[in-house]
Each structure stands twice: as C-alpha cells, then as structure tokens.
N, C-alpha and C. Protein backbone atom coordinates (compact mmCIF):
# COMPACT_ATOMS: atom_id res chain seq x y z
N UNK A 1 133.31 146.73 136.69
CA UNK A 1 132.41 146.75 135.55
C UNK A 1 132.06 145.33 135.12
N UNK A 2 130.84 145.17 134.72
CA UNK A 2 130.38 143.89 134.19
C UNK A 2 130.21 144.01 132.69
N UNK A 3 130.30 142.88 132.00
CA UNK A 3 130.06 142.85 130.56
C UNK A 3 129.13 141.69 130.25
N UNK A 4 128.26 141.91 129.29
CA UNK A 4 127.33 140.85 128.87
C UNK A 4 127.01 141.07 127.40
N UNK A 5 126.96 139.97 126.67
CA UNK A 5 126.54 140.02 125.27
C UNK A 5 125.13 139.44 125.20
N UNK A 6 124.19 140.26 124.77
CA UNK A 6 122.80 139.84 124.64
C UNK A 6 122.55 139.44 123.19
N UNK A 7 121.86 138.31 122.99
CA UNK A 7 121.45 137.89 121.65
C UNK A 7 120.10 138.55 121.37
N UNK A 8 120.07 139.40 120.33
CA UNK A 8 118.88 140.20 120.05
C UNK A 8 118.28 139.76 118.71
N UNK A 9 117.05 139.27 118.76
CA UNK A 9 116.35 138.84 117.56
C UNK A 9 115.44 139.96 117.06
N UNK A 10 115.31 140.06 115.74
CA UNK A 10 114.38 141.01 115.16
C UNK A 10 115.03 142.23 114.54
N UNK A 11 116.35 142.37 114.71
CA UNK A 11 117.02 143.52 114.09
C UNK A 11 117.26 143.21 112.61
N UNK A 12 116.97 144.22 111.75
CA UNK A 12 117.13 143.98 110.32
C UNK A 12 117.81 145.12 109.57
N UNK A 13 118.08 146.24 110.25
CA UNK A 13 118.65 147.39 109.55
C UNK A 13 119.40 148.31 110.51
N UNK A 14 119.99 149.35 109.96
CA UNK A 14 120.75 150.27 110.80
C UNK A 14 119.85 151.03 111.78
N UNK A 15 118.59 151.23 111.41
CA UNK A 15 117.65 151.87 112.35
C UNK A 15 117.49 151.01 113.60
N UNK A 16 117.42 149.70 113.42
CA UNK A 16 117.29 148.79 114.55
C UNK A 16 118.50 148.93 115.48
N UNK A 17 119.68 148.99 114.89
CA UNK A 17 120.91 149.13 115.65
C UNK A 17 120.87 150.43 116.47
N UNK A 18 120.46 151.51 115.83
CA UNK A 18 120.38 152.80 116.52
C UNK A 18 119.35 152.77 117.64
N UNK A 19 118.22 152.13 117.41
CA UNK A 19 117.16 152.07 118.42
C UNK A 19 117.63 151.29 119.65
N UNK A 20 118.26 150.15 119.44
CA UNK A 20 118.75 149.34 120.56
C UNK A 20 119.86 150.09 121.29
N UNK A 21 120.78 150.67 120.55
CA UNK A 21 121.88 151.41 121.15
C UNK A 21 121.36 152.55 122.02
N UNK A 22 120.45 153.35 121.47
CA UNK A 22 119.91 154.49 122.21
C UNK A 22 119.17 154.06 123.47
N UNK A 23 118.39 152.99 123.37
CA UNK A 23 117.62 152.53 124.52
C UNK A 23 118.53 152.08 125.66
N UNK A 24 119.60 151.39 125.32
CA UNK A 24 120.51 150.88 126.35
C UNK A 24 121.38 152.00 126.90
N UNK A 25 121.83 152.91 126.04
CA UNK A 25 122.67 154.02 126.49
C UNK A 25 121.95 154.93 127.49
N UNK A 26 120.63 154.99 127.43
CA UNK A 26 119.86 155.84 128.34
C UNK A 26 119.90 155.36 129.78
N UNK A 27 120.21 154.08 129.97
CA UNK A 27 120.17 153.50 131.32
C UNK A 27 121.33 153.99 132.16
N UNK A 28 121.04 154.39 133.39
CA UNK A 28 122.06 154.83 134.32
C UNK A 28 122.93 153.63 134.71
N UNK A 29 124.22 153.76 134.51
CA UNK A 29 125.14 152.68 134.85
C UNK A 29 125.73 151.99 133.64
N UNK A 30 125.18 152.24 132.46
CA UNK A 30 125.72 151.66 131.23
C UNK A 30 126.87 152.55 130.75
N UNK A 31 128.04 151.93 130.52
CA UNK A 31 129.21 152.72 130.11
C UNK A 31 129.56 152.52 128.64
N UNK A 32 129.14 151.41 128.04
CA UNK A 32 129.43 151.17 126.62
C UNK A 32 128.42 150.19 126.03
N UNK A 33 128.08 150.43 124.77
CA UNK A 33 127.16 149.55 124.04
C UNK A 33 127.70 149.37 122.63
N UNK A 34 127.79 148.12 122.17
CA UNK A 34 128.17 147.86 120.78
C UNK A 34 127.16 146.86 120.22
N UNK A 35 126.34 147.35 119.30
CA UNK A 35 125.31 146.51 118.68
C UNK A 35 125.82 146.10 117.30
N UNK A 36 125.77 144.80 117.03
CA UNK A 36 126.22 144.28 115.73
C UNK A 36 125.05 143.61 115.03
N UNK A 37 124.64 144.22 113.93
CA UNK A 37 123.49 143.72 113.17
C UNK A 37 123.75 142.33 112.62
N UNK A 38 124.93 142.10 112.05
CA UNK A 38 125.24 140.82 111.41
C UNK A 38 125.22 139.67 112.42
N UNK A 39 125.71 139.92 113.62
CA UNK A 39 125.75 138.88 114.66
C UNK A 39 124.48 138.85 115.49
N UNK A 40 123.65 139.89 115.32
CA UNK A 40 122.42 140.04 116.12
C UNK A 40 122.73 140.03 117.62
N UNK A 41 123.72 140.85 117.99
CA UNK A 41 124.12 140.94 119.39
C UNK A 41 124.21 142.38 119.86
N UNK A 42 124.13 142.53 121.17
CA UNK A 42 124.38 143.81 121.82
C UNK A 42 125.33 143.54 122.97
N UNK A 43 126.56 144.01 122.84
CA UNK A 43 127.56 143.86 123.90
C UNK A 43 127.47 145.10 124.78
N UNK A 44 127.25 144.88 126.06
CA UNK A 44 127.02 145.99 126.98
C UNK A 44 128.01 145.91 128.14
N UNK A 45 128.64 147.04 128.42
CA UNK A 45 129.49 147.17 129.60
C UNK A 45 128.73 148.05 130.58
N UNK A 46 128.62 147.58 131.83
CA UNK A 46 127.78 148.30 132.78
C UNK A 46 128.23 148.09 134.22
N UNK A 47 127.78 148.99 135.07
CA UNK A 47 128.03 148.90 136.51
C UNK A 47 126.88 148.12 137.11
N UNK A 48 127.15 146.89 137.53
CA UNK A 48 126.09 146.01 138.03
C UNK A 48 125.46 146.53 139.32
N UNK A 49 126.12 147.45 140.01
CA UNK A 49 125.56 148.04 141.22
C UNK A 49 124.51 149.09 140.88
N UNK A 50 124.51 149.57 139.63
CA UNK A 50 123.59 150.65 139.23
C UNK A 50 122.52 150.20 138.26
N UNK A 51 122.78 149.14 137.48
CA UNK A 51 121.80 148.67 136.51
C UNK A 51 121.92 147.15 136.38
N UNK A 52 120.78 146.47 136.28
CA UNK A 52 120.79 145.01 136.21
C UNK A 52 120.69 144.52 134.77
N UNK A 53 121.06 143.26 134.58
CA UNK A 53 120.90 142.64 133.26
C UNK A 53 119.42 142.65 132.87
N UNK A 54 118.54 142.46 133.83
CA UNK A 54 117.10 142.45 133.55
C UNK A 54 116.64 143.81 133.04
N UNK A 55 117.19 144.90 133.59
CA UNK A 55 116.80 146.24 133.13
C UNK A 55 117.29 146.48 131.71
N UNK A 56 118.48 146.00 131.40
CA UNK A 56 119.02 146.14 130.04
C UNK A 56 118.15 145.34 129.07
N UNK A 57 117.84 144.11 129.44
CA UNK A 57 116.99 143.26 128.61
C UNK A 57 115.63 143.93 128.38
N UNK A 58 115.05 144.50 129.42
CA UNK A 58 113.75 145.16 129.31
C UNK A 58 113.82 146.36 128.38
N UNK A 59 114.91 147.12 128.44
CA UNK A 59 115.05 148.30 127.56
C UNK A 59 115.08 147.87 126.10
N UNK A 60 115.76 146.76 125.81
CA UNK A 60 115.82 146.25 124.44
C UNK A 60 114.45 145.73 124.01
N UNK A 61 113.80 144.99 124.88
CA UNK A 61 112.49 144.43 124.56
C UNK A 61 111.44 145.52 124.40
N UNK A 62 111.56 146.62 125.15
CA UNK A 62 110.63 147.73 125.02
C UNK A 62 110.71 148.39 123.65
N UNK A 63 111.83 148.21 122.96
CA UNK A 63 111.99 148.74 121.60
C UNK A 63 111.38 147.80 120.56
N UNK A 64 110.93 146.61 121.00
CA UNK A 64 110.26 145.69 120.09
C UNK A 64 111.09 144.51 119.64
N UNK A 65 112.21 144.28 120.30
CA UNK A 65 113.11 143.17 119.91
C UNK A 65 113.07 142.10 120.99
N UNK A 66 113.42 140.88 120.61
CA UNK A 66 113.46 139.76 121.55
C UNK A 66 114.89 139.50 121.98
N UNK A 67 115.08 139.33 123.28
CA UNK A 67 116.39 138.99 123.83
C UNK A 67 116.38 137.51 124.15
N UNK A 68 117.32 136.77 123.59
CA UNK A 68 117.31 135.31 123.73
C UNK A 68 118.15 134.78 124.89
N UNK A 69 118.86 135.66 125.60
CA UNK A 69 119.65 135.18 126.73
C UNK A 69 119.64 136.18 127.86
C-alpha cells in the first residue's frame, strides 16, 4: 500500500470535506481517506498498482478544489 498526503486548497466547510472524501473513495484501489479541513489536507492510502496519484489528484480537482502537490 502507498500513502500520500495531498494539500487541497479551496475547502471551507464540512460539505467540502464530504465532497473530497466521496470523490476519492469512489476510486478503485483507494483503501482509506482522511480529509482534514483545518490542515487543508487529504491523506490517502491506496494500491499504487490499481490507482495513480494523478487519478486521485484529478478526482479532487474535478470536485472544484486545487491540489498543490
């Protein structure tokens, strides 16, 4: 399993947290997601053979947020 913490800009409320969490959880190969509004991060545990960091980043950006790393 791989782990990556993405810096997510644009989150301002619990709805944002839910939107990012739901978008990432839908991806095949993601096993855990922890989104922290205060830190503006999304910590993701995933199977790198099934899903890429780029796909996770795209799922977050498709919800309207900016990923800084």
